[in-house]
PDB file of N, CA and C in Angstrom:
ATOM      1  N   MET A   1      -4.524 -23.511  11.778  1.00  0.00           N
ATOM      2  CA  MET A   1      -3.848 -22.234  11.537  1.00  0.00           C
ATOM      3  C   MET A   1      -4.653 -21.037  12.049  1.00  0.00           C
ATOM      4  N   GLN A   2      -3.946 -20.041  12.483  1.00  0.00           N
ATOM      5  CA  GLN A   2      -4.590 -18.851  13.030  1.00  0.00           C
ATOM      6  C   GLN A   2      -4.083 -17.595  12.302  1.00  0.00           C
ATOM      7  N   THR A   3      -4.803 -16.685  12.076  1.00  0.00           N
ATOM      8  CA  THR A   3      -4.473 -15.312  11.450  1.00  0.00           C
ATOM      9  C   THR A   3      -3.876 -14.570  12.709  1.00  0.00           C
ATOM     10  N   VAL A   4      -2.525 -14.063  12.474  1.00  0.00           N
ATOM     11  CA  VAL A   4      -1.912 -13.268  13.530  1.00  0.00           C
ATOM     12  C   VAL A   4      -1.768 -11.874  13.110  1.00  0.00           C
ATOM     13  N   TYR A   5      -1.900 -11.555  11.761  1.00  0.00           N
ATOM     14  CA  TYR A   5      -1.727 -10.285  11.295  1.00  0.00           C
ATOM     15  C   TYR A   5      -2.509 -10.054   9.980  1.00  0.00           C
ATOM     16  N   GLU A   6      -3.160  -8.938   9.934  1.00  0.00           N
ATOM     17  CA  GLU A   6      -3.884  -8.507   8.629  1.00  0.00           C
ATOM     18  C   GLU A   6      -3.150  -7.329   8.077  1.00  0.00           C
ATOM     19  N   ALA A   7      -2.489  -7.520   6.909  1.00  0.00           N
ATOM     20  CA  ALA A   7      -1.587  -6.570   6.316  1.00  0.00           C
ATOM     21  C   ALA A   7      -2.431  -5.569   5.364  1.00  0.00           C
ATOM     22  N   ALA A   8      -1.794  -4.452   5.216  1.00  0.00           N
ATOM     23  CA  ALA A   8      -2.468  -3.402   4.324  1.00  0.00           C
ATOM     24  C   ALA A   8      -2.221  -3.895   2.867  1.00  0.00           C
ATOM     25  N   ASP A   9      -1.141  -4.561   2.524  1.00  0.00           N
ATOM     26  CA  ASP A   9      -0.919  -5.007   1.151  1.00  0.00           C
ATOM     27  C   ASP A   9       0.032  -6.327   1.289  1.00  0.00           C
ATOM     28  N   MET A  10       0.268  -6.798   0.058  1.00  0.00           N
ATOM     29  CA  MET A  10       0.991  -8.136   0.004  1.00  0.00           C
ATOM     30  C   MET A  10       2.536  -7.961   0.504  1.00  0.00           C
ATOM     31  N   LEU A  11       3.044  -6.783   0.190  1.00  0.00           N
ATOM     32  CA  LEU A  11       4.475  -6.451   0.596  1.00  0.00           C
ATOM     33  C   LEU A  11       4.558  -6.565   2.055  1.00  0.00           C
ATOM     34  N   GLU A  12       3.658  -5.822   2.759  1.00  0.00           N
ATOM     35  CA  GLU A  12       3.755  -5.841   4.249  1.00  0.00           C
ATOM     36  C   GLU A  12       3.480  -7.253   4.805  1.00  0.00           C
ATOM     37  N   ALA A  13       2.654  -8.007   4.263  1.00  0.00           N
ATOM     38  CA  ALA A  13       2.263  -9.294   4.689  1.00  0.00           C
ATOM     39  C   ALA A  13       3.551 -10.240   4.626  1.00  0.00           C
ATOM     40  N   HIS A  14       4.230 -10.184   3.440  1.00  0.00           N
ATOM     41  CA  HIS A  14       5.421 -10.982   3.202  1.00  0.00           C
ATOM     42  C   HIS A  14       6.536 -10.585   4.193  1.00  0.00           C
ATOM     43  N   MET A  15       6.676  -9.303   4.389  1.00  0.00           N
ATOM     44  CA  MET A  15       7.628  -8.778   5.407  1.00  0.00           C
ATOM     45  C   MET A  15       7.467  -9.283   6.762  1.00  0.00           C
ATOM     46  N   VAL A  16       6.202  -9.389   7.184  1.00  0.00           N
ATOM     47  CA  VAL A  16       5.824  -9.750   8.532  1.00  0.00           C
ATOM     48  C   VAL A  16       6.145 -11.236   8.578  1.00  0.00           C
ATOM     49  N   ALA A  17       5.686 -12.005   7.596  1.00  0.00           N
ATOM     50  CA  ALA A  17       5.870 -13.481   7.469  1.00  0.00           C
ATOM     51  C   ALA A  17       7.440 -13.781   7.483  1.00  0.00           C
ATOM     52  N   GLY A  18       8.175 -13.008   6.801  1.00  0.00           N
ATOM     53  CA  GLY A  18       9.624 -13.220   6.715  1.00  0.00           C
ATOM     54  C   GLY A  18      10.300 -12.919   8.228  1.00  0.00           C
ATOM     55  N   MET A  19       9.802 -11.932   8.833  1.00  0.00           N
ATOM     56  CA  MET A  19      10.240 -11.665  10.184  1.00  0.00           C
ATOM     57  C   MET A  19       9.908 -12.776  11.111  1.00  0.00           C
ATOM     58  N   LEU A  20       8.718 -13.342  11.023  1.00  0.00           N
ATOM     59  CA  LEU A  20       8.350 -14.485  11.878  1.00  0.00           C
ATOM     60  C   LEU A  20       9.250 -15.656  11.605  1.00  0.00           C
ATOM     61  N   ASP A  21       9.408 -15.877  10.347  1.00  0.00           N
ATOM     62  CA  ASP A  21      10.298 -16.968   9.945  1.00  0.00           C
ATOM     63  C   ASP A  21      11.713 -16.891  10.516  1.00  0.00           C
ATOM     64  N   GLN A  22      12.254 -15.664  10.568  1.00  0.00           N
ATOM     65  CA  GLN A  22      13.528 -15.428  11.172  1.00  0.00           C
ATOM     66  C   GLN A  22      13.572 -15.698  12.625  1.00  0.00           C
ATOM     67  N   GLN A  23      12.342 -15.622  13.293  1.00  0.00           N
ATOM     68  CA  GLN A  23      12.297 -15.935  14.685  1.00  0.00           C
ATOM     69  C   GLN A  23      12.001 -17.324  15.025  1.00  0.00           C
ATOM     70  N   GLY A  24      11.953 -18.178  13.955  1.00  0.00           N
ATOM     71  CA  GLY A  24      11.671 -19.581  14.142  1.00  0.00           C
ATOM     72  C   GLY A  24      10.164 -20.032  14.127  1.00  0.00           C
ATOM     73  N   ILE A  25       9.359 -19.176  13.630  1.00  0.00           N
ATOM     74  CA  ILE A  25       7.861 -19.327  13.508  1.00  0.00           C
ATOM     75  C   ILE A  25       7.527 -19.561  12.086  1.00  0.00           C
ATOM     76  N   ALA A  26       7.016 -20.683  11.704  1.00  0.00           N
ATOM     77  CA  ALA A  26       6.550 -20.926  10.359  1.00  0.00           C
ATOM     78  C   ALA A  26       5.338 -19.994  10.133  1.00  0.00           C
ATOM     79  N   ALA A  27       5.395 -19.285   9.125  1.00  0.00           N
ATOM     80  CA  ALA A  27       4.306 -18.286   8.734  1.00  0.00           C
ATOM     81  C   ALA A  27       4.011 -18.442   7.283  1.00  0.00           C
ATOM     82  N   TRP A  28       2.613 -18.233   6.994  1.00  0.00           N
ATOM     83  CA  TRP A  28       2.186 -18.283   5.607  1.00  0.00           C
ATOM     84  C   TRP A  28       1.337 -17.029   5.327  1.00  0.00           C
ATOM     85  N   VAL A  29       1.512 -16.627   4.126  1.00  0.00           N
ATOM     86  CA  VAL A  29       0.741 -15.412   3.660  1.00  0.00           C
ATOM     87  C   VAL A  29      -0.528 -15.972   2.890  1.00  0.00           C
ATOM     88  N   LEU A  30      -1.733 -15.589   3.248  1.00  0.00           N
ATOM     89  CA  LEU A  30      -2.847 -16.015   2.530  1.00  0.00           C
ATOM     90  C   LEU A  30      -3.600 -14.804   1.979  1.00  0.00           C
ATOM     91  N   GLY A  31      -4.202 -14.997   0.780  1.00  0.00           N
ATOM     92  CA  GLY A  31      -4.960 -13.878   0.132  1.00  0.00           C
ATOM     93  C   GLY A  31      -4.050 -12.835  -0.605  1.00  0.00           C
ATOM     94  N   ASP A  32      -2.844 -13.045  -0.593  1.00  0.00           N
ATOM     95  CA  ASP A  32      -1.946 -11.964  -1.240  1.00  0.00           C
ATOM     96  C   ASP A  32      -2.192 -11.849  -2.738  1.00  0.00           C
ATOM     97  N   MET A  33      -2.530 -12.989  -3.339  1.00  0.00           N
ATOM     98  CA  MET A  33      -2.729 -12.920  -4.757  1.00  0.00           C
ATOM     99  C   MET A  33      -4.137 -12.439  -5.143  1.00  0.00           C
ATOM    100  N   LEU A  34      -4.984 -12.231  -4.281  1.00  0.00           N
ATOM    101  CA  LEU A  34      -6.307 -11.662  -4.496  1.00  0.00           C
ATOM    102  C   LEU A  34      -6.170 -10.214  -4.858  1.00  0.00           C
ATOM    103  N   GLN A  35      -5.158  -9.498  -4.299  1.00  0.00           N
ATOM    104  CA  GLN A  35      -5.009  -8.120  -4.596  1.00  0.00           C
ATOM    105  C   GLN A  35      -4.755  -7.913  -6.078  1.00  0.00           C
ATOM    106  N   GLY A  36      -4.133  -8.867  -6.679  1.00  0.00           N
ATOM    107  CA  GLY A  36      -3.861  -8.746  -8.151  1.00  0.00           C
ATOM    108  C   GLY A  36      -5.046  -8.858  -8.976  1.00  0.00           C
ATOM    109  N   ALA A  37      -5.996  -9.627  -8.555  1.00  0.00           N
ATOM    110  CA  ALA A  37      -7.314  -9.727  -9.186  1.00  0.00           C
ATOM    111  C   ALA A  37      -8.107  -8.374  -9.115  1.00  0.00           C
ATOM    112  N   ILE A  38      -7.984  -7.732  -7.999  1.00  0.00           N
ATOM    113  CA  ILE A  38      -8.707  -6.516  -7.745  1.00  0.00           C
ATOM    114  C   ILE A  38      -7.933  -5.288  -8.308  1.00  0.00           C
ATOM    115  N   GLY A  39      -6.683  -5.388  -8.452  1.00  0.00           N
ATOM    116  CA  GLY A  39      -5.874  -4.275  -8.904  1.00  0.00           C
ATOM    117  C   GLY A  39      -5.206  -3.549  -7.756  1.00  0.00           C
ATOM    118  N   GLU A  40      -4.861  -2.392  -7.972  1.00  0.00           N
ATOM    119  CA  GLU A  40      -4.117  -1.570  -7.019  1.00  0.00           C
ATOM    120  C   GLU A  40      -4.980  -0.899  -6.025  1.00  0.00           C
ATOM    121  N   VAL A  41      -6.242  -1.012  -6.210  1.00  0.00           N
ATOM    122  CA  VAL A  41      -7.177  -0.386  -5.343  1.00  0.00           C
ATOM    123  C   VAL A  41      -7.260  -1.198  -4.031  1.00  0.00           C
ATOM    124  N   PRO A  42      -6.986  -0.484  -2.890  1.00  0.00           N
ATOM    125  CA  PRO A  42      -6.861  -1.206  -1.613  1.00  0.00           C
ATOM    126  C   PRO A  42      -8.235  -1.830  -1.256  1.00  0.00           C
ATOM    127  N   ALA A  43      -8.321  -3.134  -1.131  1.00  0.00           N
ATOM    128  CA  ALA A  43      -9.482  -3.891  -0.876  1.00  0.00           C
ATOM    129  C   ALA A  43      -9.623  -4.284   0.614  1.00  0.00           C
ATOM    130  N   GLY A  44      -8.656  -3.852   1.419  1.00  0.00           N
ATOM    131  CA  GLY A  44      -8.710  -4.134   2.832  1.00  0.00           C
ATOM    132  C   GLY A  44      -8.503  -5.525   3.256  1.00  0.00           C
ATOM    133  N   SER A  45      -7.565  -5.744   4.107  1.00  0.00           N
ATOM    134  CA  SER A  45      -7.282  -6.983   4.747  1.00  0.00           C
ATOM    135  C   SER A  45      -7.345  -8.250   3.796  1.00  0.00           C
ATOM    136  N   LEU A  46      -6.956  -8.148   2.708  1.00  0.00           N
ATOM    137  CA  LEU A  46      -6.948  -9.491   1.877  1.00  0.00           C
ATOM    138  C   LEU A  46      -5.681 -10.237   2.219  1.00  0.00           C
ATOM    139  N   ALA A  47      -4.552  -9.601   2.362  1.00  0.00           N
ATOM    140  CA  ALA A  47      -3.338 -10.348   2.741  1.00  0.00           C
ATOM    141  C   ALA A  47      -3.240 -10.532   4.210  1.00  0.00           C
ATOM    142  N   ARG A  48      -3.194 -11.727   4.626  1.00  0.00           N
ATOM    143  CA  ARG A  48      -3.046 -12.001   6.092  1.00  0.00           C
ATOM    144  C   ARG A  48      -2.039 -12.926   6.374  1.00  0.00           C
ATOM    145  N   VAL A  49      -1.382 -12.838   7.367  1.00  0.00           N
ATOM    146  CA  VAL A  49      -0.313 -13.798   7.860  1.00  0.00           C
ATOM    147  C   VAL A  49      -0.911 -14.753   8.854  1.00  0.00           C
ATOM    148  N   THR A  50      -0.656 -16.062   8.560  1.00  0.00           N
ATOM    149  CA  THR A  50      -1.148 -17.104   9.554  1.00  0.00           C
ATOM    150  C   THR A  50       0.121 -17.959  10.042  1.00  0.00           C
ATOM    151  N   THR A  51      -0.138 -18.558  11.241  1.00  0.00           N
ATOM    152  CA  THR A  51       0.831 -19.455  11.798  1.00  0.00           C
ATOM    153  C   THR A  51       0.032 -20.654  12.405  1.00  0.00           C
ATOM    154  N   ARG A  52       0.830 -21.631  12.865  1.00  0.00           N
ATOM    155  CA  ARG A  52       0.186 -22.748  13.555  1.00  0.00           C
ATOM    156  C   ARG A  52      -0.448 -22.215  14.809  1.00  0.00           C
ATOM    157  N   ALA A  53      -1.407 -22.771  15.273  1.00  0.00           N
ATOM    158  CA  ALA A  53      -2.187 -22.373  16.512  1.00  0.00           C
ATOM    159  C   ALA A  53      -1.258 -22.317  17.734  1.00  0.00           C
ATOM    160  N   GLU A  54      -0.374 -23.295  17.769  1.00  0.00           N
ATOM    161  CA  GLU A  54       0.541 -23.222  18.972  1.00  0.00           C
ATOM    162  C   GLU A  54       1.656 -22.108  18.908  1.00  0.00           C
ATOM    163  N   ASP A  55       1.818 -21.563  17.749  1.00  0.00           N
ATOM    164  CA  ASP A  55       2.724 -20.382  17.598  1.00  0.00           C
ATOM    165  C   ASP A  55       2.140 -19.081  17.495  1.00  0.00           C
ATOM    166  N   ALA A  56       0.728 -18.992  17.596  1.00  0.00           N
ATOM    167  CA  ALA A  56      -0.011 -17.788  17.379  1.00  0.00           C
ATOM    168  C   ALA A  56       0.337 -16.746  18.413  1.00  0.00           C
ATOM    169  N   ASP A  57       0.260 -17.123  19.707  1.00  0.00           N
ATOM    170  CA  ASP A  57       0.557 -16.092  20.755  1.00  0.00           C
ATOM    171  C   ASP A  57       1.894 -15.485  20.744  1.00  0.00           C
ATOM    172  N   ARG A  58       2.970 -16.337  20.441  1.00  0.00           N
ATOM    173  CA  ARG A  58       4.319 -15.889  20.353  1.00  0.00           C
ATOM    174  C   ARG A  58       4.503 -14.951  19.143  1.00  0.00           C
ATOM    175  N   ALA A  59       3.857 -15.376  18.057  1.00  0.00           N
ATOM    176  CA  ALA A  59       3.838 -14.540  16.814  1.00  0.00           C
ATOM    177  C   ALA A  59       3.202 -13.123  17.045  1.00  0.00           C
ATOM    178  N   ARG A  60       2.089 -13.149  17.690  1.00  0.00           N
ATOM    179  CA  ARG A  60       1.447 -11.806  18.014  1.00  0.00           C
ATOM    180  C   ARG A  60       2.268 -10.941  18.946  1.00  0.00           C
ATOM    181  N   ASP A  61       2.969 -11.635  19.789  1.00  0.00           N
ATOM    182  CA  ASP A  61       3.965 -10.755  20.729  1.00  0.00           C
ATOM    183  C   ASP A  61       5.010 -10.200  19.889  1.00  0.00           C
ATOM    184  N   ILE A  62       5.646 -10.921  19.039  1.00  0.00           N
ATOM    185  CA  ILE A  62       6.670 -10.478  18.097  1.00  0.00           C
ATOM    186  C   ILE A  62       6.198  -9.322  17.185  1.00  0.00           C
ATOM    187  N   ILE A  63       5.002  -9.493  16.687  1.00  0.00           N
ATOM    188  CA  ILE A  63       4.514  -8.453  15.812  1.00  0.00           C
ATOM    189  C   ILE A  63       4.153  -7.261  16.646  1.00  0.00           C
ATOM    190  N   ARG A  64       3.641  -7.376  17.722  1.00  0.00           N
ATOM    191  CA  ARG A  64       3.339  -6.239  18.686  1.00  0.00           C
ATOM    192  C   ARG A  64       4.624  -5.411  19.001  1.00  0.00           C
ATOM    193  N   GLU A  65       5.696  -6.117  19.235  1.00  0.00           N
ATOM    194  CA  GLU A  65       6.971  -5.599  19.585  1.00  0.00           C
ATOM    195  C   GLU A  65       7.486  -4.763  18.366  1.00  0.00           C
ATOM    196  N   TRP A  66       7.391  -5.403  17.219  1.00  0.00           N
ATOM    197  CA  TRP A  66       7.801  -4.789  15.945  1.00  0.00           C
ATOM    198  C   TRP A  66       7.032  -3.515  15.722  1.00  0.00           C
ATOM    199  N   GLU A  67       5.632  -3.615  15.907  1.00  0.00           N
ATOM    200  CA  GLU A  67       4.894  -2.376  15.635  1.00  0.00           C
ATOM    201  C   GLU A  67       5.268  -1.217  16.547  1.00  0.00           C
ATOM    202  N   GLN A  68       5.658  -1.527  17.822  1.00  0.00           N
ATOM    203  CA  GLN A  68       6.024  -0.509  18.755  1.00  0.00           C
ATOM    204  C   GLN A  68       7.304   0.128  18.431  1.00  0.00           C
ATOM    205  N   GLN A  69       8.226  -0.623  17.659  1.00  0.00           N
ATOM    206  CA  GLN A  69       9.479  -0.007  17.204  1.00  0.00           C
ATOM    207  C   GLN A  69       9.326   0.797  15.977  1.00  0.00           C
ATOM    208  N   GLN A  70       8.183   0.758  15.335  1.00  0.00           N
ATOM    209  CA  GLN A  70       8.027   1.599  14.122  1.00  0.00           C
ATOM    210  C   GLN A  70       7.808   3.077  14.447  1.00  0.00           C
ATOM    211  N   PRO A  71       8.395   3.928  13.596  1.00  0.00           N
ATOM    212  CA  PRO A  71       8.269   5.338  13.944  1.00  0.00           C
ATOM    213  C   PRO A  71       6.768   5.793  13.877  1.00  0.00           C
ATOM    214  N   ALA A  72       6.388   6.707  14.773  1.00  0.00           N
ATOM    215  CA  ALA A  72       5.081   7.203  14.741  1.00  0.00           C
ATOM    216  C   ALA A  72       4.758   7.929  13.556  1.00  0.00           C
ATOM    217  N   PRO A  73       3.546   7.800  12.957  1.00  0.00           N
ATOM    218  CA  PRO A  73       3.215   8.506  11.861  1.00  0.00           C
ATOM    219  C   PRO A  73       3.275  10.081  11.958  1.00  0.00           C
ATOM    220  N   THR A  74       3.803  10.677  11.103  1.00  0.00           N
ATOM    221  CA  THR A  74       3.997  12.119  11.168  1.00  0.00           C
ATOM    222  C   THR A  74       2.876  12.769  10.420  1.00  0.00           C
ATOM    223  N   SER A  75       2.562  14.009  10.833  1.00  0.00           N
ATOM    224  CA  SER A  75       1.629  14.723  10.001  1.00  0.00           C
ATOM    225  C   SER A  75       2.166  15.013   8.629  1.00  0.00           C
ATOM    226  N   PRO A  76       1.308  14.917   7.619  1.00  0.00           N
ATOM    227  CA  PRO A  76       1.876  15.175   6.266  1.00  0.00           C
ATOM    228  C   PRO A  76       2.292  16.627   6.049  1.00  0.00           C
ATOM    229  N   ALA A  77       3.226  16.907   5.247  1.00  0.00           N
ATOM    230  CA  ALA A  77       3.712  18.216   4.969  1.00  0.00           C
ATOM    231  C   ALA A  77       2.657  18.994   4.301  1.00  0.00           C
ATOM    232  N   PRO A  78       2.524  20.214   4.465  1.00  0.00           N
ATOM    233  CA  PRO A  78       1.489  21.040   3.845  1.00  0.00           C
ATOM    234  C   PRO A  78       1.441  20.752   2.397  1.00  0.00           C
ATOM    235  N   ASP A  79       0.275  20.624   1.795  1.00  0.00           N
ATOM    236  CA  ASP A  79       0.167  20.315   0.404  1.00  0.00           C
ATOM    237  C   ASP A  79       0.237  21.543  -0.361  1.00  0.00           C
ATOM    238  N   THR A  80       1.392  21.819  -0.911  1.00  0.00           N
ATOM    239  CA  THR A  80       1.552  23.050  -1.733  1.00  0.00           C
ATOM    240  C   THR A  80       1.022  22.851  -3.198  1.00  0.00           C
ATOM    241  N   THR A  81       0.596  21.689  -3.539  1.00  0.00           N
ATOM    242  CA  THR A  81       0.043  21.570  -4.914  1.00  0.00           C
ATOM    243  C   THR A  81      -1.306  22.118  -4.930  1.00  0.00           C
ATOM    244  N   LEU A  82      -2.089  22.199  -3.864  1.00  0.00           N
ATOM    245  CA  LEU A  82      -3.454  22.710  -3.871  1.00  0.00           C
ATOM    246  C   LEU A  82      -3.376  24.263  -3.958  1.00  0.00           C
ATOM    247  N   ARG A  83      -2.207  24.845  -3.389  1.00  0.00           N
ATOM    248  CA  ARG A  83      -2.179  26.314  -3.495  1.00  0.00           C
ATOM    249  C   ARG A  83      -1.593  26.701  -4.886  1.00  0.00           C
ATOM    250  N   ALA A  84      -0.870  25.750  -5.496  1.00  0.00           N
ATOM    251  CA  ALA A  84      -0.369  26.106  -6.843  1.00  0.00           C
ATOM    252  C   ALA A  84      -1.244  25.744  -7.903  1.00  0.00           C
ATOM    253  N   LEU A  85      -2.333  25.072  -7.644  1.00  0.00           N
ATOM    254  CA  LEU A  85      -3.220  24.674  -8.626  1.00  0.00           C
ATOM    255  C   LEU A  85      -3.911  25.802  -9.498  1.00  0.00           C
ATOM    256  N   PRO A  86      -4.293  26.906  -8.779  1.00  0.00           N
ATOM    257  CA  PRO A  86      -4.939  28.016  -9.628  1.00  0.00           C
ATOM    258  C   PRO A  86      -3.823  28.582 -10.637  1.00  0.00           C
ATOM    259  N   ARG A  87      -2.624  28.580 -10.203  1.00  0.00           N
ATOM    260  CA  ARG A  87      -1.600  29.104 -11.077  1.00  0.00           C
ATOM    261  C   ARG A  87      -1.384  28.166 -12.312  1.00  0.00           C
ATOM    262  N   GLN A  88      -1.660  26.878 -12.189  1.00  0.00           N
ATOM    263  CA  GLN A  88      -1.342  25.856 -13.194  1.00  0.00           C
ATOM    264  C   GLN A  88      -2.503  25.865 -14.236  1.00  0.00           C
ATOM    265  N   TRP A  89      -3.688  26.229 -13.986  1.00  0.00           N
ATOM    266  CA  TRP A  89      -4.813  26.093 -14.931  1.00  0.00           C
ATOM    267  C   TRP A  89      -4.609  26.844 -16.183  1.00  0.00           C
ATOM    268  N   PRO A  90      -4.091  28.122 -16.223  1.00  0.00           N
ATOM    269  CA  PRO A  90      -3.809  28.739 -17.467  1.00  0.00           C
ATOM    270  C   PRO A  90      -2.888  27.894 -18.373  1.00  0.00           C
ATOM    271  N   ALA A  91      -1.811  27.380 -17.781  1.00  0.00           N
ATOM    272  CA  ALA A  91      -0.868  26.522 -18.555  1.00  0.00           C
ATOM    273  C   ALA A  91      -1.592  25.258 -19.103  1.00  0.00           C
ATOM    274  N   PHE A  92      -2.309  24.658 -18.300  1.00  0.00           N
ATOM    275  CA  PHE A  92      -3.053  23.446 -18.677  1.00  0.00           C
ATOM    276  C   PHE A  92      -4.095  23.742 -19.844  1.00  0.00           C
ATOM    277  N   LEU A  93      -4.816  24.814 -19.677  1.00  0.00           N
ATOM    278  CA  LEU A  93      -5.760  25.217 -20.768  1.00  0.00           C
ATOM    279  C   LEU A  93      -4.993  25.540 -21.992  1.00  0.00           C
ATOM    280  N   LEU A  94      -3.932  26.263 -21.977  1.00  0.00           N
ATOM    281  CA  LEU A  94      -3.062  26.655 -23.103  1.00  0.00           C
ATOM    282  C   LEU A  94      -2.521  25.369 -23.806  1.00  0.00           C
ATOM    283  N   GLY A  95      -2.111  24.442 -23.021  1.00  0.00           N
ATOM    284  CA  GLY A  95      -1.616  23.142 -23.582  1.00  0.00           C
ATOM    285  C   GLY A  95      -2.706  22.416 -24.164  1.00  0.00           C
ATOM    286  N   LEU A  96      -3.877  22.392 -23.663  1.00  0.00           N
ATOM    287  CA  LEU A  96      -4.988  21.681 -24.152  1.00  0.00           C
ATOM    288  C   LEU A  96      -5.377  22.249 -25.545  1.00  0.00           C
ATOM    289  N   LEU A  97      -5.557  23.553 -25.597  1.00  0.00           N
ATOM    290  CA  LEU A  97      -5.896  24.240 -26.826  1.00  0.00           C
ATOM    291  C   LEU A  97      -4.829  24.044 -27.892  1.00  0.00           C
ATOM    292  N   ALA A  98      -3.558  24.073 -27.485  1.00  0.00           N
ATOM    293  CA  ALA A  98      -2.545  23.754 -28.424  1.00  0.00           C
ATOM    294  C   ALA A  98      -2.730  22.425 -29.058  1.00  0.00           C
ATOM    295  N   GLY A  99      -2.906  21.499 -28.222  1.00  0.00           N
ATOM    296  CA  GLY A  99      -3.094  20.127 -28.596  1.00  0.00           C
ATOM    297  C   GLY A  99      -4.297  19.891 -29.554  1.00  0.00           C
ATOM    298  N   MET A 100      -5.375  20.572 -29.194  1.00  0.00           N
ATOM    299  CA  MET A 100      -6.576  20.515 -30.064  1.00  0.00           C
ATOM    300  C   MET A 100      -6.283  21.136 -31.357  1.00  0.00           C
ATOM    301  N   LEU A 101      -5.558  22.218 -31.447  1.00  0.00           N
ATOM    302  CA  LEU A 101      -5.212  22.918 -32.717  1.00  0.00           C
ATOM    303  C   LEU A 101      -4.310  21.981 -33.570  1.00  0.00           C
ATOM    304  N   VAL A 102      -3.400  21.427 -32.983  1.00  0.00           N
ATOM    305  CA  VAL A 102      -2.439  20.442 -33.719  1.00  0.00           C
ATOM    306  C   VAL A 102      -3.235  19.253 -34.261  1.00  0.00           C
ATOM    307  N   MET A 103      -4.156  18.748 -33.449  1.00  0.00           N
ATOM    308  CA  MET A 103      -4.953  17.617 -33.969  1.00  0.00           C
ATOM    309  C   MET A 103      -5.877  17.966 -35.091  1.00  0.00           C
ATOM    310  N   ALA A 104      -6.453  19.229 -34.936  1.00  0.00           N
ATOM    311  CA  ALA A 104      -7.353  19.722 -36.010  1.00  0.00           C
ATOM    312  C   ALA A 104      -6.599  19.881 -37.331  1.00  0.00           C
ATOM    313  N   LEU A 105      -5.372  20.413 -37.240  1.00  0.00           N
ATOM    314  CA  LEU A 105      -4.524  20.634 -38.437  1.00  0.00           C
ATOM    315  C   LEU A 105      -4.140  19.259 -39.065  1.00  0.00           C
ATOM    316  N   MET A 106      -3.914  18.219 -38.200  1.00  0.00           N
ATOM    317  CA  MET A 106      -3.498  16.966 -38.680  1.00  0.00           C
ATOM    318  C   MET A 106      -4.567  16.208 -39.408  1.00  0.00           C
ATOM    319  N   MET A 107      -5.831  16.538 -38.941  1.00  0.00           N
ATOM    320  CA  MET A 107      -6.956  15.795 -39.394  1.00  0.00           C
ATOM    321  C   MET A 107      -7.369  16.328 -40.791  1.00  0.00           C
ATOM    322  N   ARG A 108      -6.933  17.488 -41.203  1.00  0.00           N
ATOM    323  CA  ARG A 108      -7.336  18.038 -42.503  1.00  0.00           C
ATOM    324  C   ARG A 108      -6.882  17.303 -43.562  1.00  0.00           C
TER     325      ARG A 108
END
């Protein structure tokens, strides 16, 4: 077996394996359950798609063609939350103080 694709997460790995299965290439996802042991923190290239050695070149061609059809990443929209953050601090502090006051009254 040869690795033909290293996925960002298990969902992407299973999607690519399913695409290869639709093209008549038997594909297996290895390492996808390891992500659950680590949690949602990306651990890099844990999930990988493998095929038989004789199908590897054809599978890579299919994956390359699929990647070319994907839309190009766009630049992220301007992050307005960073600009709004200074305006949110007073509300946050007021809520924090109110919560502390309520807790103090409840503990009496």
